[in-house]
Structure formats: C-alpha cells, structure tokens
N, C-alpha and C. Protein backbone atom coordinates (compact mmCIF):
# COMPACT_ATOMS: atom_id res chain seq x y z
N MET A 1 0.82 -1.21 0.00
CA MET A 1 0.00 0.00 0.00
C MET A 1 0.86 1.27 0.00
N LEU A 2 1.88 1.22 0.87
CA LEU A 2 2.76 2.38 0.97
C LEU A 2 3.46 2.71 -0.35
N PRO A 3 3.98 1.68 -1.07
CA PRO A 3 4.63 1.98 -2.35
C PRO A 3 3.69 2.68 -3.33
N ARG A 4 2.41 2.31 -3.34
CA ARG A 4 1.46 2.95 -4.25
C ARG A 4 1.29 4.42 -3.91
N ILE A 5 1.21 4.71 -2.61
CA ILE A 5 1.06 6.10 -2.20
C ILE A 5 2.27 6.93 -2.61
N VAL A 6 3.48 6.35 -2.42
CA VAL A 6 4.71 7.03 -2.80
C VAL A 6 4.73 7.32 -4.30
N ILE A 7 4.32 6.31 -5.10
CA ILE A 7 4.32 6.47 -6.57
C ILE A 7 3.34 7.57 -6.99
N CYS A 8 2.17 7.58 -6.35
CA CYS A 8 1.17 8.61 -6.67
C CYS A 8 1.68 10.01 -6.34
N LEU A 9 2.38 10.12 -5.18
CA LEU A 9 2.94 11.41 -4.79
C LEU A 9 3.99 11.88 -5.79
N ILE A 10 4.83 10.94 -6.21
CA ILE A 10 5.88 11.28 -7.19
C ILE A 10 5.27 11.78 -8.49
N ILE A 11 4.23 11.09 -8.96
CA ILE A 11 3.56 11.49 -10.21
C ILE A 11 2.94 12.88 -10.08
N ALA A 12 2.29 13.12 -8.92
CA ALA A 12 1.65 14.42 -8.70
C ALA A 12 2.68 15.54 -8.67
N ILE A 13 3.82 15.29 -8.00
CA ILE A 13 4.88 16.31 -7.93
C ILE A 13 5.45 16.58 -9.32
N ALA A 14 5.65 15.53 -10.10
CA ALA A 14 6.20 15.69 -11.45
C ALA A 14 5.25 16.48 -12.34
N ALA A 15 3.94 16.20 -12.22
CA ALA A 15 2.95 16.92 -13.02
C ALA A 15 2.92 18.39 -12.63
N THR A 16 3.03 18.69 -11.34
CA THR A 16 3.03 20.09 -10.88
C THR A 16 4.24 20.84 -11.41
N MET A 17 5.41 20.19 -11.38
CA MET A 17 6.63 20.82 -11.89
C MET A 17 6.55 21.08 -13.39
N ALA A 18 5.98 20.12 -14.13
CA ALA A 18 5.84 20.29 -15.58
C ALA A 18 4.92 21.45 -15.90
N ALA A 19 3.83 21.57 -15.16
CA ALA A 19 2.89 22.67 -15.39
C ALA A 19 3.55 24.01 -15.08
N ALA A 20 4.33 24.06 -14.01
CA ALA A 20 5.02 25.31 -13.65
C ALA A 20 6.02 25.70 -14.72
N THR A 21 6.72 24.72 -15.27
CA THR A 21 7.71 24.99 -16.33
C THR A 21 7.02 25.54 -17.57
N ALA A 22 5.85 24.95 -17.90
CA ALA A 22 5.11 25.41 -19.08
C ALA A 22 4.64 26.84 -18.90
N GLU A 23 4.21 27.18 -17.69
CA GLU A 23 3.75 28.54 -17.44
C GLU A 23 4.89 29.54 -17.52
N ALA A 24 6.08 29.11 -17.04
CA ALA A 24 7.23 30.00 -17.03
C ALA A 24 7.79 30.23 -18.42
N ARG A 25 7.62 29.24 -19.32
CA ARG A 25 8.18 29.35 -20.66
C ARG A 25 7.40 30.41 -21.45
N PRO A 26 8.05 31.34 -22.13
CA PRO A 26 7.34 32.37 -22.91
C PRO A 26 6.56 31.72 -24.04
N ARG A 27 5.34 32.17 -24.21
CA ARG A 27 4.48 31.62 -25.25
C ARG A 27 4.83 32.21 -26.60
N HIS A 28 4.66 31.40 -27.63
CA HIS A 28 4.92 31.85 -29.00
C HIS A 28 3.72 32.65 -29.48
N GLN A 29 3.91 33.94 -29.72
CA GLN A 29 2.82 34.80 -30.14
C GLN A 29 2.79 34.91 -31.66
N ILE A 30 1.58 35.07 -32.19
CA ILE A 30 1.44 35.31 -33.62
C ILE A 30 1.79 36.77 -33.90
N ASN A 31 2.55 36.98 -34.94
CA ASN A 31 2.90 38.35 -35.32
C ASN A 31 1.62 39.13 -35.60
N PRO A 32 1.37 40.23 -34.91
CA PRO A 32 0.15 40.98 -35.15
C PRO A 32 0.09 41.62 -36.53
N ILE A 33 1.23 41.71 -37.20
CA ILE A 33 1.25 42.21 -38.57
C ILE A 33 1.80 41.08 -39.44
N PRO A 34 0.96 40.13 -39.83
CA PRO A 34 1.47 38.90 -40.45
C PRO A 34 2.20 39.09 -41.77
N PHE A 35 2.02 40.23 -42.45
CA PHE A 35 2.69 40.42 -43.72
C PHE A 35 3.80 41.46 -43.61
N SER A 36 4.37 41.59 -42.41
CA SER A 36 5.41 42.60 -42.21
C SER A 36 6.78 42.11 -42.64
N HIS A 37 6.83 40.87 -43.11
CA HIS A 37 8.09 40.31 -43.60
C HIS A 37 9.17 40.30 -42.52
N SER A 38 8.79 40.01 -41.27
CA SER A 38 9.79 39.89 -40.21
C SER A 38 10.67 38.69 -40.52
N PRO A 39 11.97 38.85 -40.52
CA PRO A 39 12.84 37.72 -40.87
C PRO A 39 12.81 36.63 -39.81
N CYS A 40 12.79 35.39 -40.23
CA CYS A 40 12.82 34.26 -39.31
C CYS A 40 14.23 33.68 -39.28
N SER A 41 14.65 33.27 -38.11
CA SER A 41 15.98 32.70 -37.95
C SER A 41 15.98 31.76 -36.77
N VAL A 42 16.87 30.76 -36.81
CA VAL A 42 16.99 29.84 -35.68
C VAL A 42 17.52 30.57 -34.45
N LEU A 43 18.12 31.75 -34.65
CA LEU A 43 18.65 32.53 -33.55
C LEU A 43 17.68 33.63 -33.12
N ASP A 44 16.54 33.70 -33.78
CA ASP A 44 15.59 34.77 -33.51
C ASP A 44 14.68 34.35 -32.37
N GLY A 45 14.70 35.11 -31.29
CA GLY A 45 13.89 34.75 -30.14
C GLY A 45 12.54 35.41 -30.12
N ARG A 46 12.28 36.26 -31.11
CA ARG A 46 11.00 36.96 -31.12
C ARG A 46 10.07 36.36 -32.18
N PRO A 47 8.78 36.68 -32.10
CA PRO A 47 7.84 36.13 -33.10
C PRO A 47 8.20 36.60 -34.50
N CYS A 48 7.97 35.76 -35.48
CA CYS A 48 8.15 36.13 -36.87
C CYS A 48 7.16 35.33 -37.70
N THR A 49 7.10 35.63 -38.96
CA THR A 49 6.16 34.97 -39.84
C THR A 49 6.92 34.15 -40.87
N PRO A 50 7.05 32.85 -40.70
CA PRO A 50 7.84 32.05 -41.63
C PRO A 50 7.09 31.82 -42.94
N TYR A 51 7.85 31.50 -43.99
CA TYR A 51 7.22 31.16 -45.24
C TYR A 51 6.48 29.83 -45.14
N PHE A 52 6.99 28.91 -44.36
CA PHE A 52 6.38 27.60 -44.24
C PHE A 52 6.15 27.25 -42.78
N CYS A 53 5.01 26.62 -42.50
CA CYS A 53 4.75 26.13 -41.16
C CYS A 53 5.39 24.75 -41.02
N SER A 54 5.88 24.46 -39.84
CA SER A 54 6.63 23.22 -39.62
C SER A 54 6.14 22.52 -38.37
N VAL A 55 6.35 21.21 -38.32
CA VAL A 55 6.00 20.44 -37.12
C VAL A 55 6.90 20.83 -35.96
N PHE A 56 7.99 21.54 -36.25
CA PHE A 56 8.92 21.96 -35.21
C PHE A 56 8.54 23.31 -34.61
N ASN A 57 7.48 23.96 -35.14
CA ASN A 57 7.03 25.22 -34.57
C ASN A 57 6.39 24.97 -33.22
N HIS A 58 6.74 25.77 -32.22
CA HIS A 58 6.18 25.61 -30.88
C HIS A 58 5.03 26.58 -30.66
N GLY A 59 4.03 26.47 -31.46
CA GLY A 59 2.90 27.35 -31.30
C GLY A 59 2.23 27.64 -32.61
N PRO A 60 1.28 28.57 -32.61
CA PRO A 60 0.56 28.90 -33.84
C PRO A 60 1.50 29.39 -34.93
N CYS A 61 1.13 29.16 -36.16
CA CYS A 61 1.99 29.52 -37.29
C CYS A 61 1.13 30.03 -38.43
N ILE A 62 1.55 31.16 -39.02
CA ILE A 62 0.88 31.70 -40.20
C ILE A 62 1.90 31.75 -41.32
N PRO A 63 1.75 30.94 -42.39
CA PRO A 63 2.72 31.01 -43.48
C PRO A 63 2.65 32.37 -44.16
N GLU A 64 3.81 32.92 -44.49
CA GLU A 64 3.85 34.25 -45.08
C GLU A 64 3.41 34.20 -46.53
N ILE A 65 2.64 35.20 -46.93
CA ILE A 65 2.19 35.35 -48.30
C ILE A 65 2.86 36.59 -48.86
N ASP A 66 3.47 36.48 -50.03
CA ASP A 66 4.12 37.63 -50.62
C ASP A 66 3.11 38.75 -50.82
N TYR A 67 3.61 39.98 -50.76
CA TYR A 67 2.73 41.14 -50.90
C TYR A 67 1.96 41.00 -52.20
N PRO A 68 0.66 41.31 -52.17
CA PRO A 68 -0.20 40.94 -53.31
C PRO A 68 0.02 41.76 -54.58
N TYR A 69 1.16 41.60 -55.20
CA TYR A 69 1.40 42.19 -56.51
C TYR A 69 1.48 41.04 -57.50
N GLY A 70 0.56 40.99 -58.44
CA GLY A 70 0.58 39.92 -59.41
C GLY A 70 1.66 40.16 -60.45
N GLU A 71 1.84 39.19 -61.32
CA GLU A 71 2.82 39.34 -62.38
C GLU A 71 2.39 40.42 -63.37
N ASN A 72 1.07 40.66 -63.48
CA ASN A 72 0.57 41.62 -64.44
C ASN A 72 -0.53 42.44 -63.77
N LEU A 73 -0.26 43.70 -63.49
CA LEU A 73 -1.26 44.56 -62.87
C LEU A 73 -2.15 45.13 -63.96
N GLN A 74 -3.47 44.95 -63.81
CA GLN A 74 -4.41 45.35 -64.84
C GLN A 74 -5.36 46.41 -64.32
N LEU A 75 -5.65 47.37 -65.17
CA LEU A 75 -6.47 48.51 -64.78
C LEU A 75 -7.31 48.95 -65.97
N THR A 76 -8.57 49.30 -65.71
CA THR A 76 -9.44 49.88 -66.73
C THR A 76 -9.68 51.34 -66.40
N VAL A 77 -9.51 52.20 -67.41
CA VAL A 77 -9.73 53.64 -67.24
C VAL A 77 -10.82 54.06 -68.22
N GLN A 78 -11.87 54.66 -67.69
CA GLN A 78 -12.96 55.13 -68.53
C GLN A 78 -12.88 56.64 -68.68
N SER A 79 -13.26 57.13 -69.85
CA SER A 79 -13.21 58.58 -70.08
C SER A 79 -14.20 59.31 -69.20
N VAL A 80 -15.36 58.70 -68.94
CA VAL A 80 -16.35 59.26 -68.03
C VAL A 80 -16.47 58.31 -66.85
N PRO A 81 -15.91 58.68 -65.70
CA PRO A 81 -15.92 57.77 -64.55
C PRO A 81 -17.34 57.47 -64.09
N PRO A 82 -17.63 56.22 -63.72
CA PRO A 82 -18.92 55.91 -63.11
C PRO A 82 -19.10 56.73 -61.84
N GLN A 83 -20.33 57.12 -61.57
CA GLN A 83 -20.59 57.99 -60.42
C GLN A 83 -20.11 57.35 -59.12
N ASN A 84 -20.28 56.04 -59.00
CA ASN A 84 -19.88 55.35 -57.77
C ASN A 84 -18.36 55.27 -57.61
N ASP A 85 -17.62 55.44 -58.72
CA ASP A 85 -16.17 55.31 -58.68
C ASP A 85 -15.45 56.65 -58.83
N ALA A 86 -16.17 57.74 -58.64
CA ALA A 86 -15.56 59.06 -58.86
C ALA A 86 -14.33 59.26 -57.99
N ASP A 87 -14.36 58.77 -56.76
CA ASP A 87 -13.22 58.96 -55.86
C ASP A 87 -11.98 58.22 -56.35
N LYS A 88 -12.16 57.16 -57.12
CA LYS A 88 -11.03 56.39 -57.62
C LYS A 88 -10.30 57.11 -58.75
N TYR A 89 -10.88 58.21 -59.23
CA TYR A 89 -10.28 58.98 -60.32
C TYR A 89 -9.64 60.27 -59.82
N LYS A 90 -9.51 60.40 -58.50
CA LYS A 90 -8.89 61.59 -57.93
C LYS A 90 -7.42 61.31 -57.64
N LYS A 91 -6.56 62.21 -58.07
CA LYS A 91 -5.13 62.02 -57.86
C LYS A 91 -4.80 62.14 -56.38
N PRO A 92 -4.07 61.19 -55.81
CA PRO A 92 -3.69 61.28 -54.39
C PRO A 92 -2.82 62.51 -54.12
N ASP A 93 -2.98 63.10 -52.95
CA ASP A 93 -2.21 64.28 -52.59
C ASP A 93 -0.97 63.94 -51.77
N HIS A 94 -0.47 62.72 -51.96
CA HIS A 94 0.71 62.27 -51.22
C HIS A 94 1.50 61.31 -52.10
N ASP A 95 2.69 60.95 -51.67
CA ASP A 95 3.47 59.97 -52.43
C ASP A 95 2.71 58.66 -52.52
N LEU A 96 2.79 58.02 -53.67
CA LEU A 96 2.03 56.79 -53.91
C LEU A 96 2.63 55.65 -53.10
N ASN A 97 1.78 55.02 -52.28
CA ASN A 97 2.28 53.98 -51.38
C ASN A 97 1.56 52.65 -51.54
N THR A 98 0.46 52.62 -52.30
CA THR A 98 -0.30 51.40 -52.49
C THR A 98 -0.69 51.26 -53.96
N ILE A 99 -1.16 50.07 -54.32
CA ILE A 99 -1.66 49.85 -55.68
C ILE A 99 -2.86 50.76 -55.94
N GLY A 100 -3.71 50.94 -54.92
CA GLY A 100 -4.85 51.83 -55.08
C GLY A 100 -4.42 53.26 -55.40
N ASP A 101 -3.35 53.72 -54.74
CA ASP A 101 -2.82 55.05 -55.04
C ASP A 101 -2.33 55.14 -56.49
N LEU A 102 -1.63 54.10 -56.91
CA LEU A 102 -1.11 54.08 -58.28
C LEU A 102 -2.25 54.11 -59.30
N PHE A 103 -3.26 53.27 -59.08
CA PHE A 103 -4.37 53.21 -60.02
C PHE A 103 -5.12 54.54 -60.07
N ALA A 104 -5.31 55.17 -58.90
CA ALA A 104 -5.99 56.46 -58.87
C ALA A 104 -5.19 57.51 -59.65
N ALA A 105 -3.88 57.50 -59.49
CA ALA A 105 -3.03 58.44 -60.21
C ALA A 105 -3.10 58.22 -61.72
N LEU A 106 -3.09 56.96 -62.14
CA LEU A 106 -3.16 56.65 -63.57
C LEU A 106 -4.52 57.03 -64.15
N ARG A 107 -5.57 56.80 -63.38
CA ARG A 107 -6.90 57.19 -63.86
C ARG A 107 -7.00 58.70 -64.01
N SER A 108 -6.46 59.43 -63.01
CA SER A 108 -6.57 60.89 -63.04
C SER A 108 -5.75 61.50 -64.17
N CYS A 109 -4.80 60.75 -64.69
CA CYS A 109 -3.94 61.27 -65.77
C CYS A 109 -4.65 61.32 -67.12
N TRP A 110 -5.64 60.48 -67.30
CA TRP A 110 -6.19 60.25 -68.63
C TRP A 110 -6.93 61.47 -69.17
N THR A 111 -6.50 61.90 -70.36
CA THR A 111 -7.19 62.94 -71.12
C THR A 111 -7.51 62.36 -72.49
N PRO A 112 -8.77 62.06 -72.77
CA PRO A 112 -9.12 61.44 -74.05
C PRO A 112 -8.97 62.42 -75.21
N PRO A 113 -8.96 61.93 -76.43
CA PRO A 113 -8.85 62.82 -77.60
C PRO A 113 -10.08 63.73 -77.70
N PRO A 114 -9.95 64.85 -78.41
CA PRO A 114 -11.12 65.72 -78.63
C PRO A 114 -12.24 64.95 -79.30
N ALA A 115 -13.48 65.37 -79.04
CA ALA A 115 -14.65 64.64 -79.53
C ALA A 115 -14.65 64.51 -81.06
N ASP A 116 -14.17 65.55 -81.74
CA ASP A 116 -14.23 65.50 -83.21
C ASP A 116 -13.23 64.52 -83.81
N ALA A 117 -12.24 64.06 -83.00
CA ALA A 117 -11.27 63.09 -83.51
C ALA A 117 -11.42 61.73 -82.84
N ALA A 118 -12.45 61.61 -81.98
CA ALA A 118 -12.61 60.39 -81.20
C ALA A 118 -13.63 59.45 -81.84
N ARG A 119 -13.69 58.26 -81.30
CA ARG A 119 -14.67 57.27 -81.75
C ARG A 119 -15.39 56.74 -80.52
N GLU A 120 -16.69 56.82 -80.53
CA GLU A 120 -17.48 56.37 -79.39
C GLU A 120 -17.31 54.87 -79.16
N GLY A 121 -17.03 54.50 -77.91
CA GLY A 121 -16.86 53.08 -77.57
C GLY A 121 -15.48 52.55 -77.88
N MET A 122 -14.58 53.40 -78.33
CA MET A 122 -13.22 52.95 -78.66
C MET A 122 -12.51 52.43 -77.42
N GLN A 123 -11.80 51.31 -77.59
CA GLN A 123 -11.00 50.75 -76.51
C GLN A 123 -9.59 50.50 -77.02
N MET A 124 -8.64 50.75 -76.15
CA MET A 124 -7.24 50.49 -76.49
C MET A 124 -6.50 50.12 -75.22
N SER A 125 -5.68 49.10 -75.31
CA SER A 125 -4.88 48.66 -74.17
C SER A 125 -3.41 48.83 -74.46
N VAL A 126 -2.67 49.24 -73.44
CA VAL A 126 -1.23 49.38 -73.56
C VAL A 126 -0.58 48.68 -72.37
N ARG A 127 0.68 48.38 -72.54
CA ARG A 127 1.43 47.69 -71.49
C ARG A 127 2.80 48.34 -71.34
N PHE A 128 3.21 48.52 -70.08
CA PHE A 128 4.51 49.15 -69.82
C PHE A 128 4.92 48.82 -68.40
N SER A 129 6.10 49.30 -68.01
CA SER A 129 6.60 49.06 -66.66
C SER A 129 7.22 50.35 -66.13
N PHE A 130 7.35 50.39 -64.81
CA PHE A 130 7.98 51.53 -64.15
C PHE A 130 9.34 51.14 -63.60
N LYS A 131 10.21 52.13 -63.52
CA LYS A 131 11.44 51.98 -62.76
C LYS A 131 11.15 52.26 -61.29
N ARG A 132 12.08 51.93 -60.45
CA ARG A 132 11.93 52.22 -59.02
C ARG A 132 11.73 53.72 -58.79
N SER A 133 12.31 54.54 -59.65
CA SER A 133 12.25 55.99 -59.49
C SER A 133 10.91 56.58 -59.91
N GLY A 134 10.03 55.76 -60.52
CA GLY A 134 8.74 56.25 -60.98
C GLY A 134 8.71 56.62 -62.45
N GLU A 135 9.86 56.49 -63.13
CA GLU A 135 9.90 56.73 -64.57
C GLU A 135 9.47 55.47 -65.31
N MET A 136 8.94 55.65 -66.52
CA MET A 136 8.56 54.50 -67.33
C MET A 136 9.79 53.88 -67.98
N ILE A 137 9.73 52.57 -68.13
CA ILE A 137 10.77 51.85 -68.86
C ILE A 137 10.35 51.79 -70.32
N GLY A 138 10.97 52.57 -71.15
CA GLY A 138 10.59 52.60 -72.56
C GLY A 138 9.26 53.31 -72.77
N THR A 139 8.62 53.01 -73.90
CA THR A 139 7.33 53.61 -74.22
C THR A 139 6.24 52.55 -74.14
N PRO A 140 5.01 52.94 -73.82
CA PRO A 140 3.92 51.96 -73.74
C PRO A 140 3.73 51.23 -75.07
N ARG A 141 3.47 49.94 -74.97
CA ARG A 141 3.27 49.12 -76.17
C ARG A 141 1.79 48.78 -76.30
N MET A 142 1.21 49.08 -77.45
CA MET A 142 -0.20 48.80 -77.67
C MET A 142 -0.41 47.28 -77.79
N THR A 143 -1.38 46.76 -77.06
CA THR A 143 -1.64 45.33 -77.07
C THR A 143 -3.04 44.98 -77.58
N TYR A 144 -3.92 46.01 -77.67
CA TYR A 144 -5.28 45.74 -78.14
C TYR A 144 -5.91 47.05 -78.59
N PHE A 145 -6.77 46.95 -79.61
CA PHE A 145 -7.61 48.09 -80.00
C PHE A 145 -8.91 47.54 -80.55
N THR A 146 -9.94 48.37 -80.53
CA THR A 146 -11.26 47.95 -80.99
C THR A 146 -11.20 47.53 -82.45
N GLU A 147 -11.79 46.39 -82.74
CA GLU A 147 -11.79 45.87 -84.11
C GLU A 147 -12.49 46.86 -85.04
N GLY A 148 -11.88 47.09 -86.16
CA GLY A 148 -12.47 47.98 -87.15
C GLY A 148 -12.03 49.42 -87.03
N ALA A 149 -11.28 49.76 -85.98
CA ALA A 149 -10.80 51.14 -85.82
C ALA A 149 -9.78 51.45 -86.91
N SER A 150 -9.90 52.60 -87.51
CA SER A 150 -9.01 52.97 -88.61
C SER A 150 -7.61 53.27 -88.08
N PRO A 151 -6.62 53.20 -88.94
CA PRO A 151 -5.25 53.55 -88.50
C PRO A 151 -5.17 54.95 -87.91
N ASP A 152 -5.90 55.90 -88.48
CA ASP A 152 -5.87 57.26 -87.94
C ASP A 152 -6.45 57.30 -86.52
N THR A 153 -7.54 56.56 -86.29
CA THR A 153 -8.16 56.54 -84.96
C THR A 153 -7.21 55.88 -83.96
N ARG A 154 -6.58 54.80 -84.36
CA ARG A 154 -5.63 54.13 -83.48
C ARG A 154 -4.47 55.07 -83.13
N ALA A 155 -3.97 55.78 -84.13
CA ALA A 155 -2.86 56.70 -83.89
C ALA A 155 -3.30 57.84 -82.96
N THR A 156 -4.53 58.30 -83.12
CA THR A 156 -5.04 59.40 -82.28
C THR A 156 -5.11 58.97 -80.82
N TYR A 157 -5.62 57.77 -80.58
CA TYR A 157 -5.76 57.31 -79.19
C TYR A 157 -4.40 56.97 -78.58
N LEU A 158 -3.53 56.36 -79.36
CA LEU A 158 -2.21 56.04 -78.82
C LEU A 158 -1.45 57.32 -78.48
N LYS A 159 -1.60 58.35 -79.30
CA LYS A 159 -0.96 59.63 -79.02
C LYS A 159 -1.51 60.24 -77.73
N ALA A 160 -2.84 60.13 -77.53
CA ALA A 160 -3.45 60.67 -76.31
C ALA A 160 -2.99 59.91 -75.07
N ILE A 161 -2.85 58.60 -75.21
CA ILE A 161 -2.38 57.78 -74.08
C ILE A 161 -0.95 58.15 -73.71
N ASN A 162 -0.10 58.24 -74.72
CA ASN A 162 1.30 58.58 -74.45
C ASN A 162 1.43 59.97 -73.83
N ALA A 163 0.64 60.92 -74.34
CA ALA A 163 0.70 62.28 -73.81
C ALA A 163 0.21 62.31 -72.37
N SER A 164 -0.84 61.55 -72.06
CA SER A 164 -1.38 61.52 -70.70
C SER A 164 -0.37 60.93 -69.73
N LEU A 165 0.28 59.85 -70.11
CA LEU A 165 1.26 59.21 -69.23
C LEU A 165 2.51 60.07 -69.09
N ASP A 166 2.94 60.69 -70.18
CA ASP A 166 4.12 61.56 -70.11
C ASP A 166 3.88 62.73 -69.16
N ALA A 167 2.64 63.23 -69.13
CA ALA A 167 2.33 64.38 -68.28
C ALA A 167 2.34 64.00 -66.80
N CYS A 168 2.19 62.71 -66.50
CA CYS A 168 2.09 62.27 -65.10
C CYS A 168 3.38 61.64 -64.58
N THR A 169 4.31 61.38 -65.43
CA THR A 169 5.54 60.72 -64.98
C THR A 169 6.68 61.73 -64.88
N PRO A 170 7.63 61.48 -64.00
CA PRO A 170 7.74 60.28 -63.15
C PRO A 170 6.75 60.30 -61.99
N MET A 171 6.24 59.12 -61.66
CA MET A 171 5.35 58.98 -60.51
C MET A 171 6.17 59.12 -59.22
N LYS A 172 5.54 59.63 -58.20
CA LYS A 172 6.22 59.78 -56.91
C LYS A 172 5.88 58.59 -56.02
N PHE A 173 6.70 57.54 -56.12
CA PHE A 173 6.50 56.34 -55.31
C PHE A 173 7.21 56.47 -53.97
N THR A 174 6.66 55.82 -52.97
CA THR A 174 7.44 55.62 -51.76
C THR A 174 8.48 54.55 -52.06
N GLY A 175 9.47 54.42 -51.20
CA GLY A 175 10.52 53.43 -51.44
C GLY A 175 9.97 52.03 -51.52
N ASP A 176 9.01 51.70 -50.64
CA ASP A 176 8.45 50.34 -50.64
C ASP A 176 7.70 50.04 -51.93
N LEU A 177 6.84 50.96 -52.37
CA LEU A 177 6.07 50.70 -53.58
C LEU A 177 6.97 50.70 -54.80
N GLY A 178 7.94 51.61 -54.86
CA GLY A 178 8.86 51.64 -56.00
C GLY A 178 9.62 50.33 -56.14
N GLY A 179 10.08 49.80 -55.00
CA GLY A 179 10.81 48.53 -55.05
C GLY A 179 9.93 47.38 -55.47
N ALA A 180 8.67 47.40 -55.03
CA ALA A 180 7.75 46.29 -55.36
C ALA A 180 7.29 46.34 -56.81
N LEU A 181 7.18 47.53 -57.38
CA LEU A 181 6.65 47.67 -58.74
C LEU A 181 7.72 47.64 -59.82
N ALA A 182 8.95 47.90 -59.47
CA ALA A 182 10.00 48.04 -60.48
C ALA A 182 10.04 46.85 -61.43
N GLY A 183 9.84 47.14 -62.71
CA GLY A 183 9.92 46.11 -63.73
C GLY A 183 8.68 45.27 -63.92
N ARG A 184 7.67 45.43 -63.08
CA ARG A 184 6.46 44.61 -63.21
C ARG A 184 5.56 45.18 -64.31
N PRO A 185 5.04 44.32 -65.19
CA PRO A 185 4.17 44.82 -66.27
C PRO A 185 2.87 45.40 -65.73
N ILE A 186 2.47 46.52 -66.29
CA ILE A 186 1.19 47.14 -65.96
C ILE A 186 0.40 47.27 -67.25
N ALA A 187 -0.80 46.72 -67.27
CA ALA A 187 -1.66 46.77 -68.46
C ALA A 187 -2.85 47.67 -68.16
N ILE A 188 -3.04 48.68 -69.01
CA ILE A 188 -4.16 49.60 -68.84
C ILE A 188 -5.06 49.52 -70.06
N ARG A 189 -6.35 49.35 -69.81
CA ARG A 189 -7.35 49.36 -70.88
C ARG A 189 -8.11 50.67 -70.80
N TYR A 190 -8.00 51.47 -71.84
CA TYR A 190 -8.70 52.75 -71.90
C TYR A 190 -10.01 52.55 -72.67
N VAL A 191 -11.09 53.02 -72.08
CA VAL A 191 -12.41 52.87 -72.68
C VAL A 191 -13.03 54.26 -72.85
N ASP A 192 -13.31 54.63 -74.10
CA ASP A 192 -13.94 55.93 -74.36
C ASP A 192 -15.45 55.72 -74.32
N ASN A 193 -16.03 55.92 -73.15
CA ASN A 193 -17.47 55.70 -72.97
C ASN A 193 -18.27 57.00 -73.06
N ARG A 194 -17.67 58.04 -73.66
CA ARG A 194 -18.40 59.28 -73.85
C ARG A 194 -19.49 59.13 -74.90
N GLU A 195 -20.58 59.87 -74.76
CA GLU A 195 -21.62 59.91 -75.77
C GLU A 195 -21.26 61.03 -76.75
N LEU A 196 -20.44 60.69 -77.72
CA LEU A 196 -19.83 61.70 -78.58
C LEU A 196 -20.85 62.38 -79.47
N GLY A 197 -21.91 61.68 -79.85
CA GLY A 197 -22.94 62.31 -80.70
C GLY A 197 -23.57 63.49 -80.02
N LYS A 198 -23.87 63.37 -78.71
CA LYS A 198 -24.49 64.46 -77.97
C LYS A 198 -23.50 65.61 -77.78
N GLN A 199 -22.20 65.24 -77.57
CA GLN A 199 -21.21 66.29 -77.34
C GLN A 199 -20.98 67.13 -78.60
N SER A 200 -21.06 66.49 -79.74
CA SER A 200 -20.81 67.23 -80.98
C SER A 200 -22.06 67.95 -81.50
N GLY A 201 -23.22 67.69 -80.83
CA GLY A 201 -24.43 68.38 -81.20
C GLY A 201 -25.24 67.65 -82.24
N THR A 202 -24.82 66.47 -82.67
CA THR A 202 -25.57 65.71 -83.64
C THR A 202 -26.69 64.98 -82.95
N PRO A 203 -27.85 64.82 -83.59
CA PRO A 203 -28.98 64.16 -82.94
C PRO A 203 -28.75 62.68 -82.78
C-alpha cells in the first residue's frame, strides 16, 4: 500500500513541476502584422512569420504570403468615370504607397482625344513598366484596339495615351512601392465611354 502512495505522490509532484515549467516558458505569439516580412531565424527569439509552417514550430503559425502584386497589374480607365467610382479617379495628394494610389493616379492622368477626332466606344490597351524611381521603362506598347478602328483613330488614341502618361511621370512612389513595382508589367485598358454624338451636337 505504501509503495502505491509514494508512486502517486511522485507522479503528482512531477505533473506540478511540468505545469510550472510550461507557465514560465514564454508563449509563441502570432505576429500581429502577419505580412510585415519579419525575418525568421533559428537565432531569432521573437515572433516572426515564416514562409512555411513546420512540425517543429512551438505554437501557432501563419505562413507568409508575398505582398499581393501579381505578375501583371491590370487597370481599366474610362473617359467618363462611373458615379460610384468618382473617388477612384482623384489624384492622391501624397506619395504613392499602395496599388490603389497608383491606379488612382493613372486614372486621373487620362485625357481622351477631342470629340471631333474620337470614336465612341473605342478601346485600347497598352502595357509598360515603371522603374523604381517612378519613370517609365521605354514607351507603352499597344496590345489591343477595338476591331475595325481605322489607322488614324488608333494613332489618335495612342498619341493621347502617351501624352497623358508623359504628363504624369515620373510617378512619386514611396521606397516600398517603388521597389515592389520596379519592372512589373502594368496593363491599362482605356475605354472611351463618352456619348460623342451628344457632345458634338448631332442628334
């Protein structure tokens, strides 16, 4: 009987010590900013966000996701902004720090051709990239235009696109955005949704 009591006491003492050790050990906290790109290291004693979760992690783990910049950033710019999207066509009053800032700046740059040289419903897409400094790499390359558009109409719209972008560049990027965007393709689709017949006075 006595040996059983001794064994039970030993087990109870061991369990109490283990619980105390667990309480004393610092808990692994989840990084409150999971996409802050905190570097992980075997020598790092503070929380970080690893690229991969492992069975060797002593606590919760959030695998890091690269900042959401796709291989091809796509944007549609309309000559007449939808009423609900009017704020998206206002140029930011600060250095561009997000994709939303960049898109707003590009939208605000657009000046379509005069009504007498334009074509209602005309669409044209161009593709280009930025340097870290906010300058364009080369000239925009046309990738699409509305079927049936005459060479003169295509030339008119491409000239308007180039002039609009030239007037807005170099863009004022923050260091983070400039580094993330440098060299990444940006595709812009310009849509002339003006009612040109009414503007020119034709019925």
